[in-house]
N, C-alpha and C. Protein backbone atom coordinates (compact mmCIF):
# COMPACT_ATOMS: atom_id res chain seq x y z
N MET A 1 70.75 21.71 -20.63
CA MET A 1 69.98 20.58 -21.10
C MET A 1 70.15 19.44 -20.10
N ILE A 2 69.05 18.76 -19.83
CA ILE A 2 69.06 17.63 -18.91
C ILE A 2 68.44 16.43 -19.61
N HIS A 3 69.17 15.31 -19.58
CA HIS A 3 68.63 14.05 -20.06
C HIS A 3 67.95 13.34 -18.89
N LEU A 4 66.82 12.74 -19.15
CA LEU A 4 66.11 11.96 -18.14
C LEU A 4 66.46 10.50 -18.28
N ASP A 5 66.76 9.85 -17.16
CA ASP A 5 66.95 8.41 -17.17
C ASP A 5 65.57 7.76 -17.36
N THR A 6 65.57 6.50 -17.66
CA THR A 6 64.33 5.79 -18.01
C THR A 6 63.29 5.87 -16.91
N HIS A 7 63.68 5.61 -15.69
CA HIS A 7 62.69 5.62 -14.60
C HIS A 7 62.11 7.02 -14.39
N VAL A 8 62.89 8.06 -14.60
CA VAL A 8 62.38 9.42 -14.47
C VAL A 8 61.35 9.69 -15.57
N ALA A 9 61.64 9.23 -16.77
CA ALA A 9 60.69 9.38 -17.88
C ALA A 9 59.37 8.67 -17.57
N VAL A 10 59.46 7.47 -17.01
CA VAL A 10 58.25 6.70 -16.66
C VAL A 10 57.46 7.44 -15.59
N TRP A 11 58.15 7.92 -14.57
CA TRP A 11 57.46 8.63 -13.49
C TRP A 11 56.82 9.91 -13.98
N LEU A 12 57.51 10.63 -14.86
CA LEU A 12 56.94 11.86 -15.41
C LEU A 12 55.71 11.55 -16.24
N ARG A 13 55.79 10.53 -17.07
CA ARG A 13 54.64 10.13 -17.89
C ARG A 13 53.46 9.72 -17.00
N ALA A 14 53.74 9.03 -15.90
CA ALA A 14 52.68 8.55 -15.00
C ALA A 14 52.16 9.63 -14.08
N GLY A 15 52.83 10.77 -14.03
CA GLY A 15 52.41 11.84 -13.12
C GLY A 15 52.69 11.51 -11.67
N ASP A 16 53.76 10.78 -11.41
CA ASP A 16 54.10 10.34 -10.05
C ASP A 16 54.76 11.50 -9.28
N GLN A 17 53.91 12.36 -8.73
CA GLN A 17 54.40 13.56 -8.03
C GLN A 17 55.23 13.24 -6.80
N LYS A 18 54.91 12.14 -6.13
CA LYS A 18 55.65 11.77 -4.92
C LYS A 18 57.11 11.47 -5.26
N ARG A 19 57.34 10.63 -6.26
CA ARG A 19 58.72 10.30 -6.63
C ARG A 19 59.45 11.47 -7.27
N LEU A 20 58.73 12.33 -7.95
CA LEU A 20 59.37 13.46 -8.63
C LEU A 20 59.54 14.69 -7.75
N LYS A 21 58.98 14.67 -6.54
CA LYS A 21 59.04 15.83 -5.67
C LYS A 21 60.45 16.39 -5.47
N PRO A 22 61.47 15.56 -5.24
CA PRO A 22 62.81 16.11 -5.02
C PRO A 22 63.40 16.85 -6.23
N ILE A 23 62.86 16.60 -7.41
CA ILE A 23 63.41 17.22 -8.62
C ILE A 23 62.41 18.13 -9.33
N ARG A 24 61.32 18.46 -8.67
CA ARG A 24 60.26 19.27 -9.28
C ARG A 24 60.80 20.57 -9.87
N LYS A 25 61.65 21.28 -9.13
CA LYS A 25 62.18 22.55 -9.61
C LYS A 25 63.07 22.36 -10.83
N VAL A 26 63.88 21.32 -10.82
CA VAL A 26 64.75 21.03 -11.97
C VAL A 26 63.91 20.74 -13.21
N LEU A 27 62.87 19.94 -13.05
CA LEU A 27 62.01 19.61 -14.17
C LEU A 27 61.31 20.84 -14.74
N ALA A 28 60.93 21.75 -13.85
CA ALA A 28 60.20 22.95 -14.29
C ALA A 28 61.09 23.99 -14.94
N SER A 29 62.38 23.96 -14.64
CA SER A 29 63.25 25.05 -15.10
C SER A 29 64.30 24.62 -16.11
N SER A 30 64.20 23.42 -16.65
CA SER A 30 65.26 22.91 -17.52
C SER A 30 64.73 22.50 -18.88
N GLU A 31 65.64 22.45 -19.83
CA GLU A 31 65.37 21.92 -21.16
C GLU A 31 65.52 20.40 -21.05
N LEU A 32 64.41 19.69 -21.12
CA LEU A 32 64.40 18.25 -20.85
C LEU A 32 64.47 17.45 -22.14
N ARG A 33 65.31 16.40 -22.11
CA ARG A 33 65.49 15.52 -23.25
C ARG A 33 65.56 14.07 -22.78
N ILE A 34 65.23 13.17 -23.68
CA ILE A 34 65.51 11.76 -23.46
C ILE A 34 66.32 11.25 -24.63
N SER A 35 67.16 10.31 -24.35
CA SER A 35 67.96 9.66 -25.38
C SER A 35 67.09 8.65 -26.13
N PRO A 36 67.38 8.40 -27.40
CA PRO A 36 66.70 7.30 -28.09
C PRO A 36 66.93 5.96 -27.39
N PHE A 37 68.02 5.87 -26.63
CA PHE A 37 68.29 4.65 -25.88
C PHE A 37 67.28 4.48 -24.74
N VAL A 38 66.76 5.58 -24.22
CA VAL A 38 65.67 5.51 -23.23
C VAL A 38 64.41 4.98 -23.91
N VAL A 39 64.13 5.48 -25.10
CA VAL A 39 62.94 5.00 -25.84
C VAL A 39 63.05 3.50 -26.09
N LEU A 40 64.24 3.04 -26.44
CA LEU A 40 64.46 1.61 -26.68
C LEU A 40 64.26 0.80 -25.40
N GLU A 41 64.77 1.30 -24.27
CA GLU A 41 64.57 0.59 -23.01
C GLU A 41 63.09 0.58 -22.62
N LEU A 42 62.39 1.67 -22.84
CA LEU A 42 60.95 1.71 -22.57
C LEU A 42 60.24 0.65 -23.41
N GLN A 43 60.63 0.51 -24.66
CA GLN A 43 60.02 -0.49 -25.54
C GLN A 43 60.29 -1.90 -25.01
N ALA A 44 61.52 -2.14 -24.57
CA ALA A 44 61.85 -3.46 -24.02
C ALA A 44 61.01 -3.75 -22.78
N LEU A 45 60.82 -2.74 -21.93
CA LEU A 45 59.99 -2.90 -20.74
C LEU A 45 58.53 -3.18 -21.11
N PHE A 46 58.05 -2.53 -22.15
CA PHE A 46 56.70 -2.81 -22.66
C PHE A 46 56.60 -4.26 -23.14
N GLU A 47 57.60 -4.70 -23.88
CA GLU A 47 57.57 -6.03 -24.47
C GLU A 47 57.61 -7.15 -23.43
N ILE A 48 58.19 -6.89 -22.28
CA ILE A 48 58.20 -7.92 -21.23
C ILE A 48 57.07 -7.72 -20.22
N GLY A 49 56.18 -6.76 -20.50
CA GLY A 49 55.00 -6.58 -19.68
C GLY A 49 55.16 -5.68 -18.47
N ARG A 50 56.28 -4.97 -18.35
CA ARG A 50 56.48 -4.09 -17.20
C ARG A 50 55.87 -2.71 -17.41
N LEU A 51 55.57 -2.36 -18.66
CA LEU A 51 54.88 -1.10 -18.98
C LEU A 51 53.68 -1.42 -19.85
N ARG A 52 52.68 -0.56 -19.78
CA ARG A 52 51.46 -0.75 -20.58
C ARG A 52 51.49 0.01 -21.90
N GLU A 53 52.47 0.89 -22.06
CA GLU A 53 52.55 1.72 -23.27
C GLU A 53 53.89 1.46 -23.95
N THR A 54 53.92 1.58 -25.27
CA THR A 54 55.16 1.37 -26.02
C THR A 54 56.14 2.53 -25.77
N GLY A 55 57.38 2.29 -26.08
CA GLY A 55 58.39 3.33 -25.95
C GLY A 55 58.07 4.55 -26.80
N ARG A 56 57.64 4.32 -28.02
CA ARG A 56 57.29 5.43 -28.92
C ARG A 56 56.13 6.24 -28.35
N TRP A 57 55.10 5.54 -27.84
CA TRP A 57 53.93 6.22 -27.28
C TRP A 57 54.33 7.08 -26.09
N ILE A 58 55.14 6.55 -25.20
CA ILE A 58 55.58 7.31 -24.03
C ILE A 58 56.37 8.53 -24.48
N ALA A 59 57.27 8.36 -25.42
CA ALA A 59 58.07 9.49 -25.92
C ALA A 59 57.17 10.57 -26.53
N GLU A 60 56.17 10.16 -27.28
CA GLU A 60 55.23 11.13 -27.88
C GLU A 60 54.44 11.87 -26.81
N ARG A 61 53.98 11.16 -25.79
CA ARG A 61 53.22 11.82 -24.71
C ARG A 61 54.12 12.76 -23.90
N LEU A 62 55.36 12.36 -23.65
CA LEU A 62 56.28 13.25 -22.93
C LEU A 62 56.52 14.54 -23.72
N ALA A 63 56.62 14.42 -25.03
CA ALA A 63 56.80 15.61 -25.87
C ALA A 63 55.57 16.51 -25.81
N GLU A 64 54.40 15.92 -25.94
CA GLU A 64 53.16 16.70 -25.94
C GLU A 64 52.85 17.31 -24.58
N ASP A 65 53.01 16.52 -23.53
CA ASP A 65 52.58 16.94 -22.20
C ASP A 65 53.63 17.72 -21.41
N HIS A 66 54.92 17.47 -21.71
CA HIS A 66 55.99 18.05 -20.89
C HIS A 66 57.13 18.67 -21.69
N GLU A 67 56.97 18.72 -23.01
CA GLU A 67 58.01 19.29 -23.88
C GLU A 67 59.35 18.57 -23.74
N VAL A 68 59.30 17.28 -23.48
CA VAL A 68 60.51 16.45 -23.40
C VAL A 68 60.74 15.89 -24.81
N LEU A 69 61.85 16.27 -25.41
CA LEU A 69 62.14 15.84 -26.77
C LEU A 69 63.17 14.73 -26.78
N VAL A 70 63.13 13.91 -27.83
CA VAL A 70 64.15 12.89 -28.02
C VAL A 70 65.37 13.58 -28.62
N HIS A 71 66.51 13.44 -27.96
CA HIS A 71 67.75 14.09 -28.38
C HIS A 71 68.56 13.11 -29.21
N THR A 72 68.74 13.41 -30.50
CA THR A 72 69.39 12.46 -31.40
C THR A 72 70.81 12.84 -31.78
N ALA A 73 71.30 13.96 -31.32
CA ALA A 73 72.68 14.36 -31.65
C ALA A 73 73.67 13.53 -30.84
N GLN A 74 74.87 13.41 -31.34
CA GLN A 74 76.00 12.74 -30.68
C GLN A 74 75.78 11.24 -30.42
N LEU A 75 74.97 10.58 -31.23
CA LEU A 75 74.72 9.15 -30.98
C LEU A 75 75.95 8.29 -31.24
N ALA A 76 76.68 8.56 -32.31
CA ALA A 76 77.89 7.77 -32.59
C ALA A 76 78.91 7.95 -31.48
N GLU A 77 79.08 9.19 -31.03
CA GLU A 77 80.01 9.44 -29.92
C GLU A 77 79.53 8.75 -28.64
N ALA A 78 78.23 8.71 -28.43
CA ALA A 78 77.69 8.04 -27.25
C ALA A 78 78.03 6.56 -27.26
N VAL A 79 77.87 5.92 -28.39
CA VAL A 79 78.20 4.50 -28.48
C VAL A 79 79.68 4.30 -28.19
N ASP A 80 80.52 5.14 -28.77
CA ASP A 80 81.95 5.04 -28.52
C ASP A 80 82.28 5.23 -27.04
N ARG A 81 81.71 6.24 -26.43
CA ARG A 81 81.98 6.51 -25.01
C ARG A 81 81.45 5.42 -24.10
N SER A 82 80.38 4.75 -24.52
CA SER A 82 79.81 3.68 -23.69
C SER A 82 80.79 2.52 -23.50
N LEU A 83 81.71 2.37 -24.41
CA LEU A 83 82.68 1.28 -24.32
C LEU A 83 83.58 1.41 -23.10
N ASP A 84 83.73 2.63 -22.59
CA ASP A 84 84.58 2.87 -21.43
C ASP A 84 83.82 2.81 -20.10
N LEU A 85 82.52 2.65 -20.14
CA LEU A 85 81.72 2.64 -18.90
C LEU A 85 81.58 1.21 -18.39
N SER A 86 82.67 0.67 -17.93
CA SER A 86 82.72 -0.74 -17.55
C SER A 86 82.22 -1.02 -16.14
N PHE A 87 81.71 -0.01 -15.45
CA PHE A 87 81.19 -0.22 -14.09
C PHE A 87 79.89 -1.02 -14.09
N THR A 88 79.25 -1.17 -15.24
CA THR A 88 77.99 -1.89 -15.34
C THR A 88 77.97 -2.73 -16.61
N ARG A 89 77.21 -3.80 -16.56
CA ARG A 89 77.01 -4.64 -17.75
C ARG A 89 75.66 -4.33 -18.40
N ASP A 90 74.90 -3.42 -17.82
CA ASP A 90 73.59 -3.05 -18.37
C ASP A 90 73.80 -2.16 -19.60
N PRO A 91 73.48 -2.66 -20.79
CA PRO A 91 73.74 -1.86 -21.99
C PRO A 91 72.93 -0.57 -22.04
N TYR A 92 71.74 -0.57 -21.48
CA TYR A 92 70.94 0.65 -21.47
C TYR A 92 71.60 1.71 -20.60
N ASP A 93 72.01 1.33 -19.40
CA ASP A 93 72.68 2.30 -18.52
C ASP A 93 73.93 2.86 -19.19
N ARG A 94 74.70 1.99 -19.81
CA ARG A 94 75.93 2.44 -20.48
C ARG A 94 75.63 3.45 -21.58
N LEU A 95 74.67 3.12 -22.42
CA LEU A 95 74.35 4.00 -23.56
C LEU A 95 73.67 5.30 -23.12
N ILE A 96 72.77 5.21 -22.17
CA ILE A 96 72.07 6.41 -21.69
C ILE A 96 73.04 7.36 -21.01
N ALA A 97 73.91 6.83 -20.16
CA ALA A 97 74.91 7.67 -19.49
C ALA A 97 75.90 8.25 -20.49
N ALA A 98 76.36 7.42 -21.41
CA ALA A 98 77.32 7.89 -22.41
C ALA A 98 76.71 8.96 -23.32
N HIS A 99 75.43 8.84 -23.62
CA HIS A 99 74.78 9.86 -24.46
C HIS A 99 74.71 11.20 -23.73
N ALA A 100 74.39 11.17 -22.46
CA ALA A 100 74.40 12.42 -21.68
C ALA A 100 75.80 13.01 -21.66
N LEU A 101 76.81 12.20 -21.42
CA LEU A 101 78.19 12.68 -21.41
C LEU A 101 78.59 13.28 -22.76
N ALA A 102 78.28 12.57 -23.84
CA ALA A 102 78.64 13.04 -25.18
C ALA A 102 77.92 14.32 -25.55
N SER A 103 76.73 14.51 -24.98
CA SER A 103 75.93 15.70 -25.28
C SER A 103 76.25 16.89 -24.38
N GLY A 104 77.07 16.67 -23.39
CA GLY A 104 77.36 17.73 -22.43
C GLY A 104 76.16 18.06 -21.56
N ALA A 105 75.31 17.07 -21.34
CA ALA A 105 74.09 17.25 -20.56
C ALA A 105 74.24 16.60 -19.19
N SER A 106 73.41 17.02 -18.27
CA SER A 106 73.28 16.31 -17.00
C SER A 106 72.34 15.13 -17.22
N LEU A 107 72.54 14.07 -16.45
CA LEU A 107 71.64 12.93 -16.49
C LEU A 107 70.89 12.88 -15.17
N LEU A 108 69.61 13.09 -15.22
CA LEU A 108 68.78 13.09 -14.02
C LEU A 108 68.37 11.66 -13.72
N THR A 109 68.90 11.11 -12.62
CA THR A 109 68.66 9.72 -12.28
C THR A 109 68.66 9.51 -10.78
N VAL A 110 67.83 8.59 -10.34
CA VAL A 110 67.83 8.20 -8.94
C VAL A 110 68.80 7.05 -8.71
N ASP A 111 69.32 6.47 -9.77
CA ASP A 111 70.21 5.32 -9.71
C ASP A 111 71.54 5.70 -9.05
N GLU A 112 71.77 5.16 -7.86
CA GLU A 112 72.97 5.50 -7.09
C GLU A 112 74.25 5.04 -7.77
N THR A 113 74.19 3.91 -8.46
CA THR A 113 75.38 3.41 -9.16
C THR A 113 75.77 4.36 -10.29
N LEU A 114 74.79 4.82 -11.04
CA LEU A 114 75.09 5.80 -12.09
C LEU A 114 75.66 7.08 -11.49
N ARG A 115 75.04 7.55 -10.42
CA ARG A 115 75.51 8.80 -9.80
C ARG A 115 76.92 8.65 -9.25
N ALA A 116 77.27 7.48 -8.78
CA ALA A 116 78.61 7.25 -8.23
C ALA A 116 79.68 7.10 -9.31
N ASN A 117 79.28 6.75 -10.53
CA ASN A 117 80.26 6.43 -11.56
C ASN A 117 80.24 7.33 -12.80
N VAL A 118 79.25 8.18 -12.90
CA VAL A 118 79.11 9.02 -14.10
C VAL A 118 79.10 10.48 -13.65
N SER A 119 80.06 11.24 -14.12
CA SER A 119 80.23 12.62 -13.61
C SER A 119 79.03 13.52 -13.83
N CYS A 120 78.24 13.27 -14.85
CA CYS A 120 77.11 14.16 -15.14
C CYS A 120 75.81 13.70 -14.51
N ALA A 121 75.81 12.57 -13.82
CA ALA A 121 74.59 12.02 -13.22
C ALA A 121 74.29 12.71 -11.89
N ARG A 122 73.02 13.06 -11.69
CA ARG A 122 72.60 13.76 -10.46
C ARG A 122 71.13 13.48 -10.17
N TRP A 123 70.73 13.86 -8.97
CA TRP A 123 69.34 13.71 -8.56
C TRP A 123 68.83 14.98 -7.91
N SER A 124 69.24 16.11 -8.36
CA SER A 124 68.70 17.38 -7.89
C SER A 124 69.16 18.49 -8.79
């Protein structure tokens, strides 16, 4: 199982083949999930005008178009584990990374800081 970071979810929804090219094989051959914390961050981005679609709408389209499901297991453990991820003050990064860790999933992210500090974060 692979969790998608927020920007990967946005790129997949937008069909951004150029940005997704390095991970095309991973996307095609993996069980893809997003955390509810990704949906929340997408909603926040919509509310400040950085996205044109709501978090819920994007999550629904990802499920329909790419079989990306919202993974709701291990949420309490994710919140608990996020308390130890002090390398960042970004609550979304903390929760999204902690949810992948708690779920035993890889986190697919281009974010170099996440990849340097979270054992399950990768970009291939």
